[in-house]
């Protein structure tokens, strides 16, 4: 992962992604699966949690759950620590998605917004292996990635579904591409949402 780019973005205080507002599609997904978990004690994981916006969403939908978030950078976790201070049973760590420091089949819900579309092809197998390892059978995986409609600027032209942009790697997806990437999981819902230049593919998958 291209740590220097993200470190500079966080230190500037002007990240090109929202720092505190969760993705509305994720809230819809979580509300959709909530009845299945009523009365159960859940463990949830936010991969690349950044400044904690989706950790807070998970606690909002599942207030009695254990929520863990990790990021490869320490800088955003300083903000996360402050934001989750009023919530019980929430934990953060500096960790690597390719070597997640968690027990196998430990989480009922795993969420990733903004990590997978930066993973280079040579590391895809490792990412998927770790995801399958930590996700419980019957658990859900929520993911958001760049759509092929996404553009960094209005004049951007791409000949392929990936680009090396400002010292970091970006990959772009269609709904079908995302289903193919995670064909070892059952797709519950995969859709595209966005406006202007910012378009994303969102997926809700289940481990059977």
C-alpha atoms as a PDB file:
ATOM      1  CA  UNK A   1       0.000   0.000   0.000  1.00  0.00           C
ATOM      2  CA  UNK A   2       1.200   3.538  -0.740  1.00  0.00           C
ATOM      3  CA  UNK A   3       1.455   4.824   2.810  1.00  0.00           C
ATOM      4  CA  UNK A   4       3.149   8.127   1.987  1.00  0.00           C
ATOM      5  CA  UNK A   5       0.187   9.394  -0.057  1.00  0.00           C
ATOM      6  CA  UNK A   6      -2.350   8.626   2.677  1.00  0.00           C
ATOM      7  CA  UNK A   7      -0.152   9.930   5.473  1.00  0.00           C
ATOM      8  CA  UNK A   8       0.165  13.285   3.708  1.00  0.00           C
ATOM      9  CA  UNK A   9      -3.589  13.411   3.091  1.00  0.00           C
ATOM     10  CA  UNK A  10      -4.397  12.871   6.764  1.00  0.00           C
ATOM     11  CA  UNK A  11      -1.751  15.305   7.966  1.00  0.00           C
ATOM     12  CA  UNK A  12      -3.099  18.001   5.635  1.00  0.00           C
ATOM     13  CA  UNK A  13      -6.530  17.758   7.259  1.00  0.00           C
ATOM     14  CA  UNK A  14      -8.102  17.759   3.782  1.00  0.00           C
ATOM     15  CA  UNK A  15      -8.589  14.154   2.746  1.00  0.00           C
ATOM     16  CA  UNK A  16     -10.192  13.588  -0.687  1.00  0.00           C
ATOM     17  CA  UNK A  17     -12.697  11.281   1.007  1.00  0.00           C
ATOM     18  CA  UNK A  18     -15.231  12.047   3.786  1.00  0.00           C
ATOM     19  CA  UNK A  19     -13.763  11.811   7.264  1.00  0.00           C
ATOM     20  CA  UNK A  20     -16.927  11.633   9.364  1.00  0.00           C
ATOM     21  CA  UNK A  21     -19.966  10.830   7.190  1.00  0.00           C
ATOM     22  CA  UNK A  22     -20.612   7.110   6.589  1.00  0.00           C
ATOM     23  CA  UNK A  23     -21.654   5.774   3.213  1.00  0.00           C
ATOM     24  CA  UNK A  24     -25.515   5.767   3.045  1.00  0.00           C
ATOM     25  CA  UNK A  25     -25.468   2.484   1.103  1.00  0.00           C
ATOM     26  CA  UNK A  26     -23.658   0.782   3.973  1.00  0.00           C
ATOM     27  CA  UNK A  27     -26.310   1.991   6.395  1.00  0.00           C
ATOM     28  CA  UNK A  28     -28.975   0.503   4.101  1.00  0.00           C
ATOM     29  CA  UNK A  29     -27.072  -2.794   3.895  1.00  0.00           C
ATOM     30  CA  UNK A  30     -26.663  -3.022   7.678  1.00  0.00           C
ATOM     31  CA  UNK A  31     -30.321  -2.283   8.316  1.00  0.00           C
ATOM     32  CA  UNK A  32     -31.201  -4.968   5.781  1.00  0.00           C
ATOM     33  CA  UNK A  33     -29.289  -7.694   7.619  1.00  0.00           C
ATOM     34  CA  UNK A  34     -30.046  -6.439  11.153  1.00  0.00           C
ATOM     35  CA  UNK A  35     -33.147  -8.636  11.697  1.00  0.00           C
ATOM     36  CA  UNK A  36     -30.991 -11.724  11.183  1.00  0.00           C
ATOM     37  CA  UNK A  37     -28.843 -10.738  14.165  1.00  0.00           C
ATOM     38  CA  UNK A  38     -31.520  -9.542  16.603  1.00  0.00           C
ATOM     39  CA  UNK A  39     -30.714 -10.737  20.109  1.00  0.00           C
ATOM     40  CA  UNK A  40     -27.206 -11.845  19.172  1.00  0.00           C
ATOM     41  CA  UNK A  41     -23.883 -10.475  20.330  1.00  0.00           C
ATOM     42  CA  UNK A  42     -21.878  -9.526  17.255  1.00  0.00           C
ATOM     43  CA  UNK A  43     -18.260  -8.870  16.421  1.00  0.00           C
ATOM     44  CA  UNK A  44     -17.661  -6.379  13.602  1.00  0.00           C
ATOM     45  CA  UNK A  45     -14.467  -5.371  11.807  1.00  0.00           C
ATOM     46  CA  UNK A  46     -13.743  -2.188   9.846  1.00  0.00           C
ATOM     47  CA  UNK A  47     -10.797  -2.749   7.486  1.00  0.00           C
ATOM     48  CA  UNK A  48      -8.843   0.461   6.922  1.00  0.00           C
ATOM     49  CA  UNK A  49     -11.088   2.312   9.356  1.00  0.00           C
ATOM     50  CA  UNK A  50      -9.415   5.687   8.809  1.00  0.00           C
ATOM     51  CA  UNK A  51     -11.000   8.207  11.161  1.00  0.00           C
ATOM     52  CA  UNK A  52     -13.702   5.847  12.338  1.00  0.00           C
ATOM     53  CA  UNK A  53     -16.831   6.931  10.462  1.00  0.00           C
ATOM     54  CA  UNK A  54     -17.980   3.364   9.740  1.00  0.00           C
ATOM     55  CA  UNK A  55     -17.061   2.091  13.198  1.00  0.00           C
ATOM     56  CA  UNK A  56     -19.554   4.602  14.557  1.00  0.00           C
ATOM     57  CA  UNK A  57     -22.147   3.467  12.003  1.00  0.00           C
ATOM     58  CA  UNK A  58     -21.697  -0.152  13.100  1.00  0.00           C
ATOM     59  CA  UNK A  59     -22.241   0.853  16.747  1.00  0.00           C
ATOM     60  CA  UNK A  60     -25.298   2.857  15.751  1.00  0.00           C
ATOM     61  CA  UNK A  61     -26.937  -0.100  13.994  1.00  0.00           C
ATOM     62  CA  UNK A  62     -25.643  -2.754  16.430  1.00  0.00           C
ATOM     63  CA  UNK A  63     -25.162  -0.917  19.755  1.00  0.00           C
ATOM     64  CA  UNK A  64     -24.371  -4.077  21.732  1.00  0.00           C
ATOM     65  CA  UNK A  65     -21.750  -5.286  19.272  1.00  0.00           C
ATOM     66  CA  UNK A  66     -17.992  -5.447  19.618  1.00  0.00           C
ATOM     67  CA  UNK A  67     -16.490  -3.206  16.924  1.00  0.00           C
ATOM     68  CA  UNK A  68     -12.839  -3.353  15.929  1.00  0.00           C
ATOM     69  CA  UNK A  69     -11.201  -1.021  13.451  1.00  0.00           C
ATOM     70  CA  UNK A  70      -7.676  -0.986  12.128  1.00  0.00           C
ATOM     71  CA  UNK A  71      -5.606   1.081   9.778  1.00  0.00           C
ATOM     72  CA  UNK A  72      -2.088   0.810   8.465  1.00  0.00           C
ATOM     73  CA  UNK A  73      -1.470   4.399   9.605  1.00  0.00           C
ATOM     74  CA  UNK A  74      -1.418   5.717  13.152  1.00  0.00           C
ATOM     75  CA  UNK A  75      -2.363   9.316  12.233  1.00  0.00           C
ATOM     76  CA  UNK A  76      -6.090   8.800  11.465  1.00  0.00           C
ATOM     77  CA  UNK A  77      -6.468   6.537  14.488  1.00  0.00           C
ATOM     78  CA  UNK A  78      -5.745   9.495  16.757  1.00  0.00           C
ATOM     79  CA  UNK A  79      -9.014  11.032  15.527  1.00  0.00           C
ATOM     80  CA  UNK A  80     -10.789   7.683  15.684  1.00  0.00           C
ATOM     81  CA  UNK A  81      -9.782   7.246  19.309  1.00  0.00           C
ATOM     82  CA  UNK A  82     -11.470  10.531  20.219  1.00  0.00           C
ATOM     83  CA  UNK A  83     -14.608   9.790  18.198  1.00  0.00           C
ATOM     84  CA  UNK A  84     -15.241   6.368  19.705  1.00  0.00           C
ATOM     85  CA  UNK A  85     -14.356   7.344  23.272  1.00  0.00           C
ATOM     86  CA  UNK A  86     -18.036   7.442  24.241  1.00  0.00           C
ATOM     87  CA  UNK A  87     -18.730   3.932  22.957  1.00  0.00           C
ATOM     88  CA  UNK A  88     -18.152   0.755  24.914  1.00  0.00           C
ATOM     89  CA  UNK A  89     -16.569  -2.365  23.450  1.00  0.00           C
ATOM     90  CA  UNK A  90     -14.807  -0.542  20.604  1.00  0.00           C
ATOM     91  CA  UNK A  91     -11.153  -1.107  19.773  1.00  0.00           C
ATOM     92  CA  UNK A  92      -8.593   0.227  17.301  1.00  0.00           C
ATOM     93  CA  UNK A  93      -5.205  -1.007  16.154  1.00  0.00           C
ATOM     94  CA  UNK A  94      -2.423  -0.295  13.727  1.00  0.00           C
ATOM     95  CA  UNK A  95      -2.408  -3.346  11.471  1.00  0.00           C
ATOM     96  CA  UNK A  96      -1.972  -4.631   7.925  1.00  0.00           C
ATOM     97  CA  UNK A  97      -4.875  -6.067   5.907  1.00  0.00           C
ATOM     98  CA  UNK A  98      -2.554  -8.750   4.529  1.00  0.00           C
ATOM     99  CA  UNK A  99      -1.665 -10.031   7.990  1.00  0.00           C
ATOM    100  CA  UNK A 100      -4.695  -9.301  10.161  1.00  0.00           C
ATOM    101  CA  UNK A 101      -3.922  -9.962  13.855  1.00  0.00           C
ATOM    102  CA  UNK A 102      -7.249 -11.653  14.625  1.00  0.00           C
ATOM    103  CA  UNK A 103      -8.405 -15.180  15.305  1.00  0.00           C
ATOM    104  CA  UNK A 104      -9.977 -17.193  12.512  1.00  0.00           C
ATOM    105  CA  UNK A 105     -13.760 -16.960  12.085  1.00  0.00           C
ATOM    106  CA  UNK A 106     -13.856 -14.108  14.575  1.00  0.00           C
ATOM    107  CA  UNK A 107     -16.211 -11.586  12.919  1.00  0.00           C
ATOM    108  CA  UNK A 108     -19.885 -11.611  11.945  1.00  0.00           C
ATOM    109  CA  UNK A 109     -19.549  -8.480   9.812  1.00  0.00           C
ATOM    110  CA  UNK A 110     -16.487  -7.199   7.950  1.00  0.00           C
ATOM    111  CA  UNK A 111     -16.586  -3.826   6.204  1.00  0.00           C
ATOM    112  CA  UNK A 112     -14.118  -2.380   3.710  1.00  0.00           C
ATOM    113  CA  UNK A 113     -14.549   1.015   2.134  1.00  0.00           C
ATOM    114  CA  UNK A 114     -11.589   2.240   0.149  1.00  0.00           C
ATOM    115  CA  UNK A 115      -8.963  -0.451   0.719  1.00  0.00           C
ATOM    116  CA  UNK A 116      -9.588  -3.185  -1.846  1.00  0.00           C
ATOM    117  CA  UNK A 117      -9.482  -0.851  -4.841  1.00  0.00           C
ATOM    118  CA  UNK A 118      -5.896   0.055  -3.898  1.00  0.00           C
ATOM    119  CA  UNK A 119      -4.700  -3.555  -3.652  1.00  0.00           C
ATOM    120  CA  UNK A 120      -2.298  -4.586  -6.392  1.00  0.00           C
ATOM    121  CA  UNK A 121      -3.017  -7.784  -8.286  1.00  0.00           C
ATOM    122  CA  UNK A 122      -0.102  -9.678  -6.762  1.00  0.00           C
ATOM    123  CA  UNK A 123      -1.660  -9.211  -3.295  1.00  0.00           C
ATOM    124  CA  UNK A 124      -5.284 -10.003  -4.158  1.00  0.00           C
ATOM    125  CA  UNK A 125      -5.032 -13.637  -3.131  1.00  0.00           C
ATOM    126  CA  UNK A 126      -3.573 -12.698   0.250  1.00  0.00           C
ATOM    127  CA  UNK A 127      -6.339 -10.129   0.862  1.00  0.00           C
ATOM    128  CA  UNK A 128      -9.049 -12.655   0.027  1.00  0.00           C
ATOM    129  CA  UNK A 129      -7.458 -15.397   2.086  1.00  0.00           C
ATOM    130  CA  UNK A 130      -7.309 -13.164   5.142  1.00  0.00           C
ATOM    131  CA  UNK A 131     -10.899 -12.007   4.609  1.00  0.00           C
ATOM    132  CA  UNK A 132     -12.173 -15.586   4.452  1.00  0.00           C
ATOM    133  CA  UNK A 133     -10.117 -16.530   7.478  1.00  0.00           C
ATOM    134  CA  UNK A 134     -11.472 -13.868   9.853  1.00  0.00           C
ATOM    135  CA  UNK A 135     -15.101 -13.885   8.617  1.00  0.00           C
ATOM    136  CA  UNK A 136     -17.431 -16.338  10.336  1.00  0.00           C
ATOM    137  CA  UNK A 137     -19.534 -18.793   8.383  1.00  0.00           C
ATOM    138  CA  UNK A 138     -22.846 -17.036   7.825  1.00  0.00           C
ATOM    139  CA  UNK A 139     -21.135 -13.669   8.224  1.00  0.00           C
ATOM    140  CA  UNK A 140     -21.451 -10.665   5.931  1.00  0.00           C
ATOM    141  CA  UNK A 141     -18.881  -8.680   3.967  1.00  0.00           C
ATOM    142  CA  UNK A 142     -19.640  -5.071   2.944  1.00  0.00           C
ATOM    143  CA  UNK A 143     -17.388  -3.398   0.407  1.00  0.00           C
ATOM    144  CA  UNK A 144     -17.207  -0.143  -1.524  1.00  0.00           C
ATOM    145  CA  UNK A 145     -14.833   0.378  -4.467  1.00  0.00           C
ATOM    146  CA  UNK A 146     -14.295   2.833  -7.303  1.00  0.00           C
ATOM    147  CA  UNK A 147     -16.681   2.430 -10.223  1.00  0.00           C
ATOM    148  CA  UNK A 148     -15.358   2.592 -13.779  1.00  0.00           C
ATOM    149  CA  UNK A 149     -17.372   5.858 -13.933  1.00  0.00           C
ATOM    150  CA  UNK A 150     -15.180   7.403 -11.225  1.00  0.00           C
ATOM    151  CA  UNK A 151     -12.789  10.132 -12.350  1.00  0.00           C
ATOM    152  CA  UNK A 152     -10.152  12.052 -10.407  1.00  0.00           C
ATOM    153  CA  UNK A 153     -10.727  15.016 -12.726  1.00  0.00           C
ATOM    154  CA  UNK A 154     -13.027  15.758 -15.636  1.00  0.00           C
ATOM    155  CA  UNK A 155     -10.338  15.229 -18.284  1.00  0.00           C
ATOM    156  CA  UNK A 156      -9.105  11.893 -16.963  1.00  0.00           C
ATOM    157  CA  UNK A 157      -8.859   9.189 -19.644  1.00  0.00           C
ATOM    158  CA  UNK A 158      -8.047   5.562 -18.830  1.00  0.00           C
ATOM    159  CA  UNK A 159      -7.323   2.771 -21.287  1.00  0.00           C
ATOM    160  CA  UNK A 160      -7.435   0.140 -18.534  1.00  0.00           C
ATOM    161  CA  UNK A 161      -9.377  -0.405 -15.331  1.00  0.00           C
ATOM    162  CA  UNK A 162      -6.477   0.760 -13.179  1.00  0.00           C
ATOM    163  CA  UNK A 163      -4.215   3.792 -12.885  1.00  0.00           C
ATOM    164  CA  UNK A 164      -1.193   4.949 -10.918  1.00  0.00           C
ATOM    165  CA  UNK A 165      -2.313   8.368  -9.736  1.00  0.00           C
ATOM    166  CA  UNK A 166      -0.335  10.791  -7.558  1.00  0.00           C
ATOM    167  CA  UNK A 167       1.914   8.047  -6.205  1.00  0.00           C
ATOM    168  CA  UNK A 168      -0.854   5.582  -5.402  1.00  0.00           C
ATOM    169  CA  UNK A 169      -2.589   2.759  -7.231  1.00  0.00           C
ATOM    170  CA  UNK A 170      -6.316   2.870  -8.040  1.00  0.00           C
ATOM    171  CA  UNK A 171      -8.444   0.138  -9.584  1.00  0.00           C
ATOM    172  CA  UNK A 172     -11.955   0.508 -11.005  1.00  0.00           C
ATOM    173  CA  UNK A 173     -14.882  -1.916 -11.124  1.00  0.00           C
ATOM    174  CA  UNK A 174     -18.251  -2.693 -12.618  1.00  0.00           C
ATOM    175  CA  UNK A 175     -20.944  -4.559 -10.693  1.00  0.00           C
ATOM    176  CA  UNK A 176     -20.052  -7.739 -12.559  1.00  0.00           C
ATOM    177  CA  UNK A 177     -16.313  -7.286 -11.905  1.00  0.00           C
ATOM    178  CA  UNK A 178     -16.928  -7.051  -8.182  1.00  0.00           C
ATOM    179  CA  UNK A 179     -19.060 -10.196  -8.171  1.00  0.00           C
ATOM    180  CA  UNK A 180     -16.302 -12.023 -10.026  1.00  0.00           C
ATOM    181  CA  UNK A 181     -13.645 -10.868  -7.563  1.00  0.00           C
ATOM    182  CA  UNK A 182     -15.637 -12.293  -4.661  1.00  0.00           C
ATOM    183  CA  UNK A 183     -17.167 -15.318  -6.373  1.00  0.00           C
ATOM    184  CA  UNK A 184     -16.332 -17.398  -3.287  1.00  0.00           C
ATOM    185  CA  UNK A 185     -19.018 -15.435  -1.400  1.00  0.00           C
ATOM    186  CA  UNK A 186     -22.753 -15.262  -2.064  1.00  0.00           C
ATOM    187  CA  UNK A 187     -23.742 -11.861  -3.532  1.00  0.00           C
ATOM    188  CA  UNK A 188     -26.758 -10.463  -1.685  1.00  0.00           C
ATOM    189  CA  UNK A 189     -26.779  -7.057  -3.356  1.00  0.00           C
ATOM    190  CA  UNK A 190     -24.328  -5.270  -5.647  1.00  0.00           C
ATOM    191  CA  UNK A 191     -25.122  -1.799  -6.965  1.00  0.00           C
ATOM    192  CA  UNK A 192     -23.647   1.401  -8.313  1.00  0.00           C
ATOM    193  CA  UNK A 193     -24.192   4.817  -6.751  1.00  0.00           C
ATOM    194  CA  UNK A 194     -22.671   8.243  -7.242  1.00  0.00           C
ATOM    195  CA  UNK A 195     -22.874  11.703  -8.700  1.00  0.00           C
ATOM    196  CA  UNK A 196     -20.705  14.020 -10.762  1.00  0.00           C
ATOM    197  CA  UNK A 197     -17.235  12.418 -10.948  1.00  0.00           C
ATOM    198  CA  UNK A 198     -17.518  10.267  -7.817  1.00  0.00           C
ATOM    199  CA  UNK A 199     -19.084   6.871  -8.541  1.00  0.00           C
ATOM    200  CA  UNK A 200     -18.728   3.685  -6.513  1.00  0.00           C
ATOM    201  CA  UNK A 201     -19.727   0.042  -6.636  1.00  0.00           C
ATOM    202  CA  UNK A 202     -21.087  -1.285  -3.330  1.00  0.00           C
ATOM    203  CA  UNK A 203     -21.417  -4.941  -2.482  1.00  0.00           C
ATOM    204  CA  UNK A 204     -23.094  -6.966   0.256  1.00  0.00           C
ATOM    205  CA  UNK A 205     -21.831 -10.556   0.316  1.00  0.00           C
ATOM    206  CA  UNK A 206     -22.375 -13.553   2.615  1.00  0.00           C
ATOM    207  CA  UNK A 207     -20.059 -16.392   3.565  1.00  0.00           C
ATOM    208  CA  UNK A 208     -22.056 -19.602   3.354  1.00  0.00           C
END
